[in-house]
Amino acid sequence: MRNRRAPLWILAVILSACGGQHESRSTTVDGVSFEVTVKSSEWKSQHNSTFVFVDLRIVNDTNVTVDVDVSGIVAEIVDTRSVGTYYDSLGSVDTGVEQIPVGERKFGLYFVFADRIKNGSEAELDIVEFGVADR
């Protein structure tokens, strides 16, 4: 009797269909677009906070470099504002001012919320303060 295996491409299609779809939300401020995609969220009892991990894509459609203070980016989920914004990295790198040249930059960030957020509501995350320096 022959050993029948499914072709690898079928397995790839099944696995990609099982992966969660992450919805992106986008806002434009003075020619600079902020597109945020929520990756995950986690309640951290030792901090008594919810951490929401995101990918942030900033697109500068102006003709000049734009300064964005990453620590000044504030997110909101159902009337609850984040209390901190941090780079999603292994090292403890302080957030600071990023220069966004014409084009795009991508960042892995996480927002800290000082309380539990309702399960599933992280999909409603919006950026409400953008950290864009006056030009």
Protein backbone atom coordinates (compact mmCIF):
# COMPACT_ATOMS: atom_id res chain seq x y z
CA MET A 1 0.00 0.00 0.00
CA ARG A 2 1.35 3.43 -0.96
CA ASN A 3 1.90 6.14 1.61
CA ARG A 4 -0.25 9.06 0.42
CA ARG A 5 0.69 12.50 1.60
CA ALA A 6 -0.96 15.78 0.83
CA PRO A 7 1.12 18.05 -1.34
CA LEU A 8 3.00 20.72 0.60
CA TRP A 9 1.08 23.56 -1.04
CA ILE A 10 -2.19 22.25 0.44
CA LEU A 11 -0.61 22.26 3.89
CA ALA A 12 0.62 25.83 3.35
CA VAL A 13 -2.87 26.98 2.32
CA ILE A 14 -4.43 25.34 5.37
CA LEU A 15 -1.88 26.87 7.74
CA SER A 16 -2.27 30.34 6.28
CA ALA A 17 -6.06 30.09 6.53
CA CYS A 18 -5.78 29.14 10.21
CA GLY A 19 -3.60 32.12 11.09
CA GLY A 20 -5.57 35.03 12.54
CA GLN A 21 -6.22 37.96 10.31
CA HIS A 22 -5.00 41.21 11.79
CA GLU A 23 -6.97 44.25 10.75
CA SER A 24 -5.13 47.48 10.06
CA ARG A 25 -6.46 50.94 10.83
CA SER A 26 -5.10 54.04 9.17
CA THR A 27 -5.24 57.77 9.88
CA THR A 28 -3.61 60.66 8.03
CA VAL A 29 -2.40 63.86 9.73
CA ASP A 30 -0.90 66.70 7.66
CA GLY A 31 0.24 64.37 4.87
CA VAL A 32 1.63 61.72 7.22
CA SER A 33 -0.26 58.40 7.40
CA PHE A 34 -0.22 56.16 10.46
CA GLU A 35 -1.27 52.56 9.80
CA VAL A 36 -1.46 50.38 12.89
CA THR A 37 -1.91 46.62 12.89
CA VAL A 38 -2.56 44.91 16.23
CA LYS A 39 -0.51 41.73 16.61
CA SER A 40 -1.52 40.62 20.11
CA SER A 41 -2.43 41.74 23.60
CA GLU A 42 -1.49 40.40 26.99
CA TRP A 43 -2.57 41.11 30.56
CA LYS A 44 0.54 41.48 32.74
CA SER A 45 -0.55 40.99 36.34
CA GLN A 46 2.86 42.01 37.72
CA HIS A 47 2.32 45.44 36.11
CA ASN A 48 -1.46 45.48 36.57
CA SER A 49 -1.62 46.52 32.89
CA THR A 50 -2.58 45.33 29.44
CA PHE A 51 0.17 45.39 26.80
CA VAL A 52 -1.01 45.68 23.18
CA PHE A 53 1.66 44.80 20.59
CA VAL A 54 1.38 46.48 17.19
CA ASP A 55 3.14 47.06 13.92
CA LEU A 56 3.11 50.74 13.02
CA ARG A 57 3.76 51.93 9.48
CA ILE A 58 4.31 55.66 9.05
CA VAL A 59 4.14 57.01 5.50
CA ASN A 60 5.41 60.53 4.85
CA ASP A 61 3.77 61.93 1.72
CA THR A 62 5.09 65.45 2.29
CA ASN A 63 8.22 66.82 0.65
CA VAL A 64 10.18 67.22 3.91
CA THR A 65 11.46 64.98 6.69
CA VAL A 66 8.97 64.79 9.56
CA ASP A 67 9.93 64.31 13.21
CA VAL A 68 7.72 61.90 15.19
CA ASP A 69 8.16 61.59 18.95
CA VAL A 70 7.34 57.91 19.45
CA SER A 71 6.73 58.40 23.17
CA GLY A 72 4.08 60.98 22.20
CA ILE A 73 2.01 58.46 20.24
CA VAL A 74 -1.10 57.63 22.26
CA ALA A 75 -3.58 54.87 21.47
CA GLU A 76 -7.15 54.48 22.63
CA ILE A 77 -9.39 51.43 22.93
CA VAL A 78 -13.05 52.10 23.74
CA ASP A 79 -12.43 55.36 25.65
CA THR A 80 -9.36 53.98 27.48
CA ARG A 81 -6.11 55.74 26.61
CA SER A 82 -2.68 54.16 26.69
CA VAL A 83 -0.31 55.38 29.39
CA GLY A 84 2.94 54.48 27.63
CA THR A 85 4.40 53.65 24.22
CA TYR A 86 7.53 51.51 23.86
CA TYR A 87 9.59 49.83 21.16
CA ASP A 88 8.90 46.10 20.95
CA SER A 89 12.51 44.97 21.23
CA LEU A 90 14.62 42.65 23.36
CA GLY A 91 16.69 45.48 24.76
CA SER A 92 15.37 48.32 26.84
CA VAL A 93 15.60 51.04 24.23
CA ASP A 94 14.03 54.35 25.17
CA THR A 95 11.55 55.75 22.68
CA GLY A 96 12.51 59.05 21.18
CA VAL A 97 12.15 61.27 18.16
CA GLU A 98 12.31 59.42 14.85
CA GLN A 99 13.00 61.24 11.62
CA ILE A 100 10.63 60.03 8.93
CA PRO A 101 12.00 60.91 5.49
CA VAL A 102 9.75 61.05 2.45
CA GLY A 103 8.53 57.47 2.11
CA GLU A 104 7.82 55.05 4.92
CA ARG A 105 9.21 53.65 8.16
CA LYS A 106 7.98 50.65 10.12
CA PHE A 107 8.14 50.12 13.87
CA GLY A 108 7.24 47.33 16.25
CA LEU A 109 5.69 48.98 19.31
CA TYR A 110 3.57 48.17 22.29
CA PHE A 111 1.08 50.33 24.11
CA VAL A 112 0.48 49.96 27.83
CA PHE A 113 -3.04 50.38 29.20
CA ALA A 114 -3.37 50.86 32.96
CA ASP A 115 -6.25 48.42 33.23
CA ARG A 116 -7.67 45.31 31.63
CA ILE A 117 -9.21 45.82 28.25
CA LYS A 118 -12.18 43.76 27.12
CA ASN A 119 -11.13 40.63 25.23
CA GLY A 120 -11.25 41.28 21.49
CA SER A 121 -11.57 45.05 21.84
CA GLU A 122 -7.93 45.58 20.84
CA ALA A 123 -9.18 45.44 17.23
CA GLU A 124 -10.76 48.84 17.96
CA LEU A 125 -7.39 50.44 18.76
CA ASP A 126 -7.03 53.92 17.30
CA ILE A 127 -4.14 56.34 17.49
CA VAL A 128 -5.43 59.58 19.02
CA GLU A 129 -2.14 61.48 19.49
CA PHE A 130 0.51 61.19 16.83
CA GLY A 131 3.69 62.72 18.21
CA VAL A 132 4.25 64.77 15.06
CA ALA A 133 6.48 67.78 15.75
CA ASP A 134 5.33 71.18 14.54
CA ARG A 135 6.83 72.13 11.21
